[in-house]
């Protein structure tokens, strides 16, 4: 049985894309940002863990912004400073 090079490439691309889709999915959980609490409250530099969590939870920022009980925290000046320090941006939702 002869398999074409193109068919093998197509299968590999499909597998890689499906794997990428799986790794992009994130569970939105605001409590995952608790490592940032010290930076937010004490106006101190964010930890590496805080920055990692911000990057991980970035796809959830719009959901957090729309939540009346969370939006005030995400939109606060200190939160914007911490997010900026980590090189993460708050999207326009």
Protein backbone atom coordinates (compact mmCIF):
# COMPACT_ATOMS: atom_id res chain seq x y z
CA UNK A 1 0.00 0.00 0.00
CA UNK A 2 1.48 3.30 -1.10
CA UNK A 3 0.72 6.38 1.02
CA UNK A 4 1.15 9.79 -0.56
CA UNK A 5 3.32 12.44 1.06
CA UNK A 6 0.44 14.95 0.81
CA UNK A 7 -1.95 12.67 2.69
CA UNK A 8 0.56 12.19 5.48
CA UNK A 9 1.09 15.96 5.73
CA UNK A 10 -2.65 16.62 5.86
CA UNK A 11 -3.10 14.08 8.64
CA UNK A 12 -0.22 15.59 10.63
CA UNK A 13 -1.59 19.12 10.25
CA UNK A 14 -5.06 18.00 11.38
CA UNK A 15 -3.57 16.25 14.41
CA UNK A 16 -1.46 19.26 15.34
CA UNK A 17 -4.38 21.65 14.99
CA UNK A 18 -6.65 19.46 17.09
CA UNK A 19 -3.95 19.29 19.77
CA UNK A 20 -3.61 23.08 19.67
CA UNK A 21 -7.35 23.44 20.16
CA UNK A 22 -7.19 21.23 23.24
CA UNK A 23 -4.37 23.17 24.83
CA UNK A 24 -6.09 26.56 24.26
CA UNK A 25 -9.14 25.70 26.30
CA UNK A 26 -9.07 27.23 29.78
CA UNK A 27 -11.44 26.98 32.70
CA UNK A 28 -12.43 30.47 33.78
CA UNK A 29 -11.99 30.62 37.51
CA UNK A 30 -11.28 34.00 39.08
CA UNK A 31 -9.81 32.36 42.17
CA UNK A 32 -6.95 31.15 39.94
CA UNK A 33 -5.72 34.74 40.11
CA UNK A 34 -5.19 34.59 43.89
CA UNK A 35 -1.37 34.58 43.45
CA UNK A 36 -1.82 38.20 42.31
CA UNK A 37 -3.55 39.35 45.49
CA UNK A 38 -0.32 40.50 47.18
CA UNK A 39 0.62 42.62 44.16
CA UNK A 40 -2.88 44.10 43.99
CA UNK A 41 -3.27 44.87 47.68
CA UNK A 42 0.28 45.95 48.53
CA UNK A 43 1.10 47.56 45.19
CA UNK A 44 4.17 45.29 44.96
CA UNK A 45 5.68 43.73 41.83
CA UNK A 46 3.77 40.64 40.64
CA UNK A 47 5.34 37.22 41.10
CA UNK A 48 6.13 34.91 38.21
CA UNK A 49 3.22 32.70 39.30
CA UNK A 50 0.89 35.71 39.21
CA UNK A 51 2.00 36.58 35.67
CA UNK A 52 1.64 32.95 34.57
CA UNK A 53 -1.90 32.85 35.93
CA UNK A 54 -2.78 36.15 34.25
CA UNK A 55 -1.60 34.79 30.90
CA UNK A 56 -3.53 31.57 31.50
CA UNK A 57 -6.74 33.37 32.48
CA UNK A 58 -6.52 36.14 29.84
CA UNK A 59 -9.19 34.49 27.63
CA UNK A 60 -11.55 34.90 30.59
CA UNK A 61 -11.01 38.64 31.17
CA UNK A 62 -14.11 39.69 29.19
CA UNK A 63 -16.23 37.29 31.22
CA UNK A 64 -14.77 38.73 34.42
CA UNK A 65 -15.33 42.30 33.21
CA UNK A 66 -19.01 41.60 32.50
CA UNK A 67 -19.55 40.18 35.99
CA UNK A 68 -20.62 43.10 38.24
CA UNK A 69 -18.89 41.60 41.28
CA UNK A 70 -15.57 41.00 39.45
CA UNK A 71 -15.41 43.79 36.87
CA UNK A 72 -14.44 46.39 39.45
CA UNK A 73 -11.35 44.37 40.35
CA UNK A 74 -10.25 43.73 36.78
CA UNK A 75 -10.75 47.41 35.89
CA UNK A 76 -9.01 48.82 38.98
CA UNK A 77 -5.85 50.92 38.51
CA UNK A 78 -3.76 48.43 40.51
CA UNK A 79 -5.01 45.51 38.40
CA UNK A 80 -4.12 47.37 35.23
CA UNK A 81 -0.65 48.05 36.62
CA UNK A 82 -0.10 44.39 37.57
CA UNK A 83 -1.36 43.14 34.22
CA UNK A 84 0.87 45.62 32.41
CA UNK A 85 3.87 44.61 34.53
CA UNK A 86 3.32 41.03 33.39
CA UNK A 87 3.15 42.05 29.74
CA UNK A 88 -0.50 41.03 29.49
CA UNK A 89 -3.21 43.27 28.12
CA UNK A 90 -6.84 43.62 29.12
CA UNK A 91 -8.91 43.17 25.95
CA UNK A 92 -11.57 45.61 24.80
CA UNK A 93 -14.75 43.64 25.27
